[in-house]
N, C-alpha and C. Protein backbone atom coordinates (compact mmCIF):
# COMPACT_ATOMS: atom_id res chain seq x y z
N MET A 1 13.17 -23.61 10.15
CA MET A 1 12.54 -22.62 9.19
C MET A 1 13.75 -22.03 8.28
N ASN A 2 13.37 -21.57 7.08
CA ASN A 2 14.40 -20.92 6.35
C ASN A 2 14.70 -19.60 6.83
N ILE A 3 16.04 -19.15 6.73
CA ILE A 3 16.43 -17.94 7.20
C ILE A 3 15.93 -16.79 6.23
N ASP A 4 15.87 -17.05 5.06
CA ASP A 4 15.24 -16.11 4.11
C ASP A 4 13.90 -15.56 4.47
N TYR A 5 13.07 -16.68 5.02
CA TYR A 5 11.62 -16.19 5.53
C TYR A 5 11.59 -15.07 6.55
N PHE A 6 12.68 -15.26 7.47
CA PHE A 6 12.65 -14.32 8.49
C PHE A 6 13.17 -12.84 8.11
N GLU A 7 14.07 -13.07 7.22
CA GLU A 7 14.54 -11.68 6.57
C GLU A 7 13.59 -11.11 5.71
N TYR A 8 12.78 -11.67 5.03
CA TYR A 8 11.69 -11.05 4.07
C TYR A 8 10.67 -10.62 5.15
N LEU A 9 10.29 -11.24 6.16
CA LEU A 9 9.35 -10.96 7.13
C LEU A 9 9.86 -9.52 7.88
N SER A 10 11.05 -9.72 8.26
CA SER A 10 11.64 -8.50 8.81
C SER A 10 11.55 -7.33 7.85
N ARG A 11 11.80 -7.49 6.68
CA ARG A 11 11.90 -6.40 5.73
C ARG A 11 10.36 -5.67 5.43
N ALA A 12 9.53 -6.64 5.35
CA ALA A 12 8.10 -6.30 5.24
C ALA A 12 7.58 -5.60 6.40
N ALA A 13 7.89 -6.09 7.60
CA ALA A 13 7.46 -5.32 8.69
C ALA A 13 8.15 -3.89 8.93
N ASP A 14 9.37 -3.74 8.49
CA ASP A 14 10.13 -2.44 8.48
C ASP A 14 9.29 -1.55 7.42
N TYR A 15 9.04 -2.14 6.24
CA TYR A 15 8.41 -1.26 5.31
C TYR A 15 7.11 -0.83 5.73
N ILE A 16 6.29 -1.71 6.41
CA ILE A 16 4.93 -1.16 6.81
C ILE A 16 5.30 -0.09 8.01
N TYR A 17 6.18 -0.31 8.78
CA TYR A 17 6.39 0.55 9.76
C TYR A 17 6.82 1.87 9.40
N GLN A 18 7.63 2.04 8.27
CA GLN A 18 7.99 3.23 7.69
C GLN A 18 6.92 4.03 7.10
N ILE A 19 5.92 3.26 6.40
CA ILE A 19 4.75 3.83 5.87
C ILE A 19 4.02 4.49 6.95
N PHE A 20 3.65 3.94 8.01
CA PHE A 20 2.88 4.36 9.09
C PHE A 20 3.58 5.65 9.78
N LYS A 21 4.80 5.44 9.96
CA LYS A 21 5.69 6.54 10.55
C LYS A 21 5.65 7.82 9.77
N ARG A 22 5.59 7.73 8.53
CA ARG A 22 5.74 8.88 7.59
C ARG A 22 4.45 9.41 7.02
N LEU A 23 3.16 8.53 7.59
CA LEU A 23 1.96 8.87 6.91
C LEU A 23 1.60 10.46 7.51
N ASP A 24 1.76 10.86 8.42
CA ASP A 24 1.17 12.20 8.94
C ASP A 24 2.02 13.23 8.13
N ARG A 25 3.23 13.10 7.70
CA ARG A 25 3.91 14.36 7.10
C ARG A 25 3.74 14.17 5.64
N ASN A 26 3.21 13.29 5.04
CA ASN A 26 3.01 13.28 3.56
C ASN A 26 1.62 12.92 3.28
N ILE A 27 0.62 13.75 3.60
CA ILE A 27 -0.79 13.55 3.44
C ILE A 27 -1.14 14.72 2.56
N ASP A 28 -0.58 15.02 1.38
CA ASP A 28 -1.00 16.13 0.43
C ASP A 28 -2.20 15.66 -0.21
N ALA A 29 -2.67 16.51 -1.20
CA ALA A 29 -3.93 16.21 -1.82
C ALA A 29 -3.83 15.01 -2.75
N TRP A 30 -2.74 14.74 -3.53
CA TRP A 30 -2.59 13.74 -4.37
C TRP A 30 -2.53 12.36 -3.50
N THR A 31 -1.90 12.36 -2.50
CA THR A 31 -1.97 11.07 -1.46
C THR A 31 -3.26 10.91 -1.14
N LYS A 32 -4.18 11.91 -0.77
CA LYS A 32 -5.50 11.54 -0.38
C LYS A 32 -6.20 11.06 -1.49
N VAL A 33 -6.02 11.46 -2.67
CA VAL A 33 -6.87 10.92 -3.74
C VAL A 33 -6.47 9.51 -4.00
N LEU A 34 -5.11 9.16 -3.89
CA LEU A 34 -4.63 7.87 -3.99
C LEU A 34 -5.18 6.94 -2.95
N LEU A 35 -5.19 7.26 -1.72
CA LEU A 35 -5.80 6.55 -0.59
C LEU A 35 -7.28 6.34 -0.89
N CYS A 36 -8.01 7.36 -1.37
CA CYS A 36 -9.64 7.22 -1.66
C CYS A 36 -9.73 6.19 -2.72
N TYR A 37 -9.06 6.33 -3.73
CA TYR A 37 -9.16 5.44 -4.89
C TYR A 37 -8.67 4.04 -4.52
N THR A 38 -7.76 3.74 -3.86
CA THR A 38 -7.41 2.42 -3.27
C THR A 38 -8.53 1.88 -2.43
N GLY A 39 -9.15 2.63 -1.65
CA GLY A 39 -10.23 2.27 -0.77
C GLY A 39 -11.43 1.94 -1.67
N LEU A 40 -11.71 2.69 -2.62
CA LEU A 40 -12.67 2.36 -3.68
C LEU A 40 -12.42 1.01 -4.30
N SER A 41 -11.16 0.91 -4.80
CA SER A 41 -10.83 -0.28 -5.53
C SER A 41 -11.03 -1.56 -4.55
N PHE A 42 -10.78 -1.39 -3.38
CA PHE A 42 -10.96 -2.43 -2.34
C PHE A 42 -12.20 -2.85 -2.04
N MET A 43 -13.13 -1.91 -2.07
CA MET A 43 -14.58 -2.17 -1.98
C MET A 43 -15.13 -2.89 -3.19
N MET A 44 -14.59 -2.57 -4.28
CA MET A 44 -15.08 -3.09 -5.64
C MET A 44 -14.34 -4.36 -6.06
N MET A 45 -13.46 -4.78 -5.27
CA MET A 45 -12.61 -6.07 -5.82
C MET A 45 -13.53 -7.32 -6.09
N ASN A 46 -14.63 -7.41 -5.40
CA ASN A 46 -15.37 -8.66 -5.58
C ASN A 46 -16.27 -8.48 -6.98
N GLN A 47 -16.41 -7.35 -7.73
CA GLN A 47 -17.07 -7.19 -8.89
C GLN A 47 -16.56 -7.62 -9.97
N ALA A 48 -15.28 -7.46 -10.21
CA ALA A 48 -14.69 -7.83 -11.53
C ALA A 48 -13.26 -7.75 -11.46
N LEU A 49 -12.42 -8.39 -12.16
CA LEU A 49 -10.92 -8.51 -12.28
C LEU A 49 -10.26 -7.17 -12.39
N ILE A 50 -10.79 -6.33 -13.10
CA ILE A 50 -10.23 -4.93 -13.16
C ILE A 50 -10.14 -4.09 -11.82
N TRP A 51 -11.02 -4.52 -11.01
CA TRP A 51 -10.84 -3.77 -9.87
C TRP A 51 -9.74 -4.45 -9.04
N LYS A 52 -9.56 -5.67 -8.97
CA LYS A 52 -8.38 -6.26 -8.35
C LYS A 52 -7.12 -5.93 -8.82
N ILE A 53 -6.95 -5.63 -10.14
CA ILE A 53 -5.83 -5.14 -10.79
C ILE A 53 -5.41 -3.63 -10.40
N HIS A 54 -6.69 -2.85 -10.22
CA HIS A 54 -6.50 -1.50 -9.78
C HIS A 54 -6.19 -1.48 -8.28
N PHE A 55 -6.84 -2.25 -7.59
CA PHE A 55 -6.32 -2.24 -6.11
C PHE A 55 -4.87 -2.63 -5.85
N PHE A 56 -4.55 -3.59 -6.51
CA PHE A 56 -3.05 -4.02 -6.50
C PHE A 56 -2.18 -2.91 -6.89
N CYS A 57 -2.40 -2.38 -8.01
CA CYS A 57 -1.56 -1.28 -8.58
C CYS A 57 -1.50 -0.08 -7.79
N PHE A 58 -2.75 0.44 -7.50
CA PHE A 58 -2.81 1.70 -6.79
C PHE A 58 -2.36 1.46 -5.19
N SER A 59 -2.60 0.21 -4.59
CA SER A 59 -2.00 0.21 -3.35
C SER A 59 -0.47 0.28 -3.51
N LEU A 60 0.25 -0.21 -4.29
CA LEU A 60 1.61 -0.13 -4.49
C LEU A 60 2.03 1.18 -4.74
N PHE A 61 1.38 2.03 -5.55
CA PHE A 61 1.66 3.29 -5.90
C PHE A 61 1.57 4.11 -4.61
N THR A 62 0.41 4.05 -3.80
CA THR A 62 0.13 4.73 -2.53
C THR A 62 1.48 4.44 -1.56
N ALA A 63 1.69 3.18 -1.32
CA ALA A 63 2.59 2.93 -0.43
C ALA A 63 4.03 3.31 -0.73
N THR A 64 4.28 3.22 -2.04
CA THR A 64 5.62 3.88 -2.50
C THR A 64 5.68 5.38 -2.25
N ARG A 65 4.53 6.02 -2.52
CA ARG A 65 4.39 7.52 -2.46
C ARG A 65 4.64 7.82 -0.97
N ILE A 66 4.02 7.19 -0.06
CA ILE A 66 4.17 7.46 1.35
C ILE A 66 5.36 7.06 1.96
N ARG A 67 5.87 6.09 1.46
CA ARG A 67 7.43 5.57 1.98
C ARG A 67 8.56 6.52 1.56
N ASP A 68 8.38 7.20 0.43
CA ASP A 68 9.68 7.98 -0.15
C ASP A 68 9.34 9.37 0.16
């Protein structure tokens, strides 16, 4: 297999680990709103394309907010 694949897999696993490690200390009101809206977008994804776009963008915003 390609070495880059394992590097990207390792980086993705570390990114997810860091998010869950920092979730407890970064749960202010804005983060809760982002989590709830991301959940709503996930539930509405099968309704229209705009919900898929919202889910993609807001999941990235939420993950970045929790990670940093």
